[in-house]
């Protein structure tokens, strides 16, 4: 995920924990929002029904919408089929996305 796109999630996380959220924290929050959106679309307490909804839908609620590609959609292997690889770099003490340019807002800095 592009740290620049973390938005409110990053702000609230930093307030609570005093540090920038790790990618895993952001991605887990995105997964939770996908579950919430799936349950809003098809309320259930049956894990099989929830699993089917998660594997047949596309999710962009809250933090799920800040994943590279702007959505989550799981394939049979459990990978986000809309996700895009992206490169990040620490610049001026802040983790920022630097590549690809269509998904990030900073340019990479090479060498010093």
Protein backbone atom coordinates (compact mmCIF):
# COMPACT_ATOMS: atom_id res chain seq x y z
CA UNK A 1 0.00 0.00 0.00
CA UNK A 2 1.13 3.54 -0.66
CA UNK A 3 1.72 5.10 2.75
CA UNK A 4 0.62 8.44 1.29
CA UNK A 5 -2.85 6.96 0.76
CA UNK A 6 -3.30 5.64 4.32
CA UNK A 7 -5.25 8.80 5.18
CA UNK A 8 -7.30 8.75 8.37
CA UNK A 9 -6.04 5.28 9.25
CA UNK A 10 -2.43 6.56 9.49
CA UNK A 11 -3.44 9.64 11.46
CA UNK A 12 -5.45 7.69 14.03
CA UNK A 13 -2.83 4.93 14.26
CA UNK A 14 -0.07 7.49 14.91
CA UNK A 15 -2.18 9.20 17.58
CA UNK A 16 -2.79 5.91 19.37
CA UNK A 17 0.60 4.18 18.97
CA UNK A 18 3.03 7.08 18.37
CA UNK A 19 4.47 5.51 15.23
CA UNK A 20 3.68 5.22 11.55
CA UNK A 21 1.65 2.05 10.85
CA UNK A 22 3.47 -0.90 9.35
CA UNK A 23 2.16 -2.17 6.03
CA UNK A 24 0.81 -5.26 7.79
CA UNK A 25 -1.29 -3.09 10.13
CA UNK A 26 -2.76 -1.22 7.17
CA UNK A 27 -3.41 -4.40 5.19
CA UNK A 28 -5.12 -6.08 8.15
CA UNK A 29 -7.36 -3.03 8.58
CA UNK A 30 -8.18 -3.21 4.86
CA UNK A 31 -9.16 -6.87 5.27
CA UNK A 32 -11.38 -5.99 8.22
CA UNK A 33 -13.16 -3.32 6.17
CA UNK A 34 -13.70 -5.91 3.42
CA UNK A 35 -15.36 -8.23 5.95
CA UNK A 36 -17.56 -5.35 7.16
CA UNK A 37 -18.56 -4.50 3.57
CA UNK A 38 -19.24 -8.18 2.78
CA UNK A 39 -21.48 -8.48 5.85
CA UNK A 40 -23.32 -5.29 4.90
CA UNK A 41 -23.92 -6.73 1.43
CA UNK A 42 -24.98 -10.16 2.67
CA UNK A 43 -25.58 -10.36 6.44
CA UNK A 44 -24.76 -13.81 7.82
CA UNK A 45 -23.33 -15.71 10.76
CA UNK A 46 -22.41 -18.66 8.52
CA UNK A 47 -18.65 -18.70 7.80
CA UNK A 48 -19.20 -20.48 4.45
CA UNK A 49 -21.57 -17.75 3.26
CA UNK A 50 -19.15 -15.03 4.39
CA UNK A 51 -16.30 -16.83 2.63
CA UNK A 52 -18.32 -17.03 -0.60
CA UNK A 53 -19.19 -13.32 -0.39
CA UNK A 54 -15.56 -12.38 0.22
CA UNK A 55 -14.34 -14.47 -2.72
CA UNK A 56 -16.99 -13.26 -5.14
CA UNK A 57 -17.01 -9.52 -4.40
CA UNK A 58 -14.87 -6.44 -4.79
CA UNK A 59 -14.34 -4.28 -1.72
CA UNK A 60 -13.44 -0.61 -1.36
CA UNK A 61 -14.93 0.46 1.98
CA UNK A 62 -12.67 2.50 4.26
CA UNK A 63 -9.09 1.31 4.36
CA UNK A 64 -9.81 -1.37 1.71
CA UNK A 65 -10.11 1.50 -0.77
CA UNK A 66 -6.57 2.66 -0.02
CA UNK A 67 -4.91 -0.54 -1.23
CA UNK A 68 -2.82 -0.22 -4.41
CA UNK A 69 -5.39 -0.43 -7.18
CA UNK A 70 -8.05 1.11 -4.90
CA UNK A 71 -9.90 -2.15 -4.13
CA UNK A 72 -9.63 -5.67 -2.78
CA UNK A 73 -10.70 -8.72 -4.76
CA UNK A 74 -9.44 -12.13 -3.73
CA UNK A 75 -8.59 -14.86 -6.20
CA UNK A 76 -8.72 -18.62 -5.47
CA UNK A 77 -5.26 -18.50 -3.88
CA UNK A 78 -6.31 -15.70 -1.52
CA UNK A 79 -4.25 -12.98 -3.22
CA UNK A 80 -5.63 -9.55 -4.06
CA UNK A 81 -6.06 -9.79 -7.83
CA UNK A 82 -6.43 -6.00 -8.19
CA UNK A 83 -3.36 -5.21 -6.09
CA UNK A 84 -0.33 -3.66 -7.72
CA UNK A 85 3.30 -3.85 -6.60
CA UNK A 86 4.72 -0.62 -5.35
CA UNK A 87 7.99 0.73 -4.01
CA UNK A 88 8.31 2.93 -0.93
CA UNK A 89 11.21 4.97 0.42
CA UNK A 90 11.97 6.93 3.57
CA UNK A 91 12.25 10.62 2.67
CA UNK A 92 12.69 13.36 5.28
CA UNK A 93 11.74 10.92 8.03
CA UNK A 94 8.49 9.89 6.34
CA UNK A 95 7.68 6.67 4.46
CA UNK A 96 6.34 7.60 1.01
CA UNK A 97 5.38 5.77 -2.18
CA UNK A 98 7.85 6.36 -5.04
CA UNK A 99 6.93 3.88 -7.81
CA UNK A 100 4.94 3.39 -10.03
CA UNK A 101 4.11 7.05 -10.60
CA UNK A 102 0.42 6.36 -11.33
CA UNK A 103 -0.02 4.97 -7.80
CA UNK A 104 2.34 7.18 -5.81
CA UNK A 105 2.91 10.85 -5.15
CA UNK A 106 6.70 11.09 -4.74
CA UNK A 107 9.72 10.48 -6.95
CA UNK A 108 12.54 8.16 -5.80
CA UNK A 109 15.75 9.71 -4.54
CA UNK A 110 18.80 7.85 -5.82
CA UNK A 111 22.14 8.07 -4.01
CA UNK A 112 23.40 10.81 -1.72
